[in-house]
C-alpha atoms as a PDB file:
ATOM      1  CA  MET A   1     -66.546 122.525 -68.986  1.00  0.00           C
ATOM      2  CA  THR A   2     -67.397 119.184 -67.544  1.00  0.00           C
ATOM      3  CA  GLN A   3     -68.719 120.763 -64.543  1.00  0.00           C
ATOM      4  CA  ALA A   4     -71.043 122.911 -66.700  1.00  0.00           C
ATOM      5  CA  ARG A   5     -72.211 120.153 -68.811  1.00  0.00           C
ATOM      6  CA  PHE A   6     -72.213 117.053 -66.476  1.00  0.00           C
ATOM      7  CA  GLY A   7     -72.031 118.469 -62.964  1.00  0.00           C
ATOM      8  CA  VAL A   8     -68.743 116.791 -62.184  1.00  0.00           C
ATOM      9  CA  THR A   9     -65.121 117.187 -62.402  1.00  0.00           C
ATOM     10  CA  PRO A  10     -63.213 114.727 -64.779  1.00  0.00           C
ATOM     11  CA  GLU A  11     -61.537 111.785 -63.308  1.00  0.00           C
ATOM     12  CA  TYR A  12     -57.959 110.911 -64.271  1.00  0.00           C
ATOM     13  CA  VAL A  13     -57.140 107.208 -64.265  1.00  0.00           C
ATOM     14  CA  LEU A  14     -53.626 105.845 -64.546  1.00  0.00           C
ATOM     15  CA  VAL A  15     -53.836 103.154 -67.324  1.00  0.00           C
ATOM     16  CA  ARG A  16     -50.311 102.038 -67.014  1.00  0.00           C
ATOM     17  CA  ALA A  17     -46.830 102.934 -66.217  1.00  0.00           C
ATOM     18  CA  PHE A  18     -43.960 101.544 -68.418  1.00  0.00           C
ATOM     19  CA  GLY A  19     -40.319 101.731 -69.010  1.00  0.00           C
ATOM     20  CA  PRO A  20     -37.310 101.622 -66.761  1.00  0.00           C
ATOM     21  CA  ASP A  21     -37.438 103.406 -63.429  1.00  0.00           C
ATOM     22  CA  HIS A  22     -35.113 106.084 -64.553  1.00  0.00           C
ATOM     23  CA  LYS A  23     -37.152 106.750 -67.763  1.00  0.00           C
ATOM     24  CA  LYS A  24     -40.726 105.942 -66.690  1.00  0.00           C
ATOM     25  CA  GLU A  25     -43.602 106.841 -68.851  1.00  0.00           C
ATOM     26  CA  PHE A  26     -47.169 107.083 -67.861  1.00  0.00           C
ATOM     27  CA  GLU A  27     -50.515 106.627 -69.697  1.00  0.00           C
ATOM     28  CA  VAL A  28     -53.638 108.416 -68.340  1.00  0.00           C
ATOM     29  CA  ALA A  29     -57.259 108.287 -69.314  1.00  0.00           C
ATOM     30  CA  VAL A  30     -59.690 111.120 -68.656  1.00  0.00           C
ATOM     31  CA  LYS A  31     -63.213 110.000 -67.755  1.00  0.00           C
ATOM     32  CA  VAL A  32     -66.671 111.623 -66.994  1.00  0.00           C
ATOM     33  CA  HIS A  33     -69.424 109.449 -65.628  1.00  0.00           C
ATOM     34  CA  ASP A  34     -67.657 106.260 -66.788  1.00  0.00           C
ATOM     35  CA  ARG A  35     -67.404 107.681 -70.314  1.00  0.00           C
ATOM     36  CA  GLU A  36     -63.765 107.657 -71.509  1.00  0.00           C
ATOM     37  CA  PHE A  37     -62.918 110.802 -73.511  1.00  0.00           C
ATOM     38  CA  ALA A  38     -59.182 110.498 -74.121  1.00  0.00           C
ATOM     39  CA  HIS A  39     -55.911 108.733 -73.400  1.00  0.00           C
ATOM     40  CA  ALA A  40     -52.501 110.380 -73.356  1.00  0.00           C
ATOM     41  CA  ARG A  41     -48.777 109.486 -72.453  1.00  0.00           C
ATOM     42  CA  GLY A  42     -46.328 111.737 -70.692  1.00  0.00           C
ATOM     43  CA  LYS A  43     -43.058 111.562 -68.842  1.00  0.00           C
ATOM     44  CA  SER A  44     -44.926 112.386 -65.609  1.00  0.00           C
ATOM     45  CA  LYS A  45     -48.391 111.751 -64.406  1.00  0.00           C
ATOM     46  CA  LYS A  46     -49.163 115.376 -64.556  1.00  0.00           C
ATOM     47  CA  GLU A  47     -47.986 115.819 -67.987  1.00  0.00           C
ATOM     48  CA  ALA A  48     -50.154 112.815 -69.219  1.00  0.00           C
ATOM     49  CA  GLN A  49     -53.146 114.239 -67.519  1.00  0.00           C
ATOM     50  CA  GLN A  50     -52.638 117.682 -69.062  1.00  0.00           C
ATOM     51  CA  LYS A  51     -52.267 116.128 -72.483  1.00  0.00           C
ATOM     52  CA  ALA A  52     -55.469 113.973 -72.102  1.00  0.00           C
ATOM     53  CA  ALA A  53     -57.364 116.963 -70.826  1.00  0.00           C
ATOM     54  CA  GLN A  54     -56.432 118.961 -73.886  1.00  0.00           C
ATOM     55  CA  ILE A  55     -57.606 116.082 -76.112  1.00  0.00           C
ATOM     56  CA  ALA A  56     -60.857 115.775 -74.140  1.00  0.00           C
ATOM     57  CA  LEU A  57     -61.467 119.567 -74.361  1.00  0.00           C
ATOM     58  CA  LYS A  58     -61.179 119.325 -78.168  1.00  0.00           C
ATOM     59  CA  ILE A  59     -63.629 116.407 -78.211  1.00  0.00           C
ATOM     60  CA  LEU A  60     -66.049 118.221 -76.102  1.00  0.00           C
ATOM     61  CA  SER A  61     -65.819 121.416 -78.093  1.00  0.00           C
ATOM     62  CA  LYS A  62     -66.520 119.498 -81.300  1.00  0.00           C
ATOM     63  CA  GLU A  63     -69.633 118.076 -79.767  1.00  0.00           C
ATOM     64  CA  ASP A  64     -70.840 121.459 -78.796  1.00  0.00           C
ATOM     65  CA  GLY A  65     -70.271 122.772 -82.268  1.00  0.00           C
END
């Protein structure tokens, strides 16, 4: 969707990692052209990225509607 609308793929930025090493959590932001669409947390970077992508998709869908 971002490639169709903006001509680029989204960028996932690690905002922070927190918690003890054995139970680390990650917060990731998804950006397109320096516009931040969503933040999400997860037990892995991948999980946080996927959650942020889902939130961003909902936001983009509402903007289309």
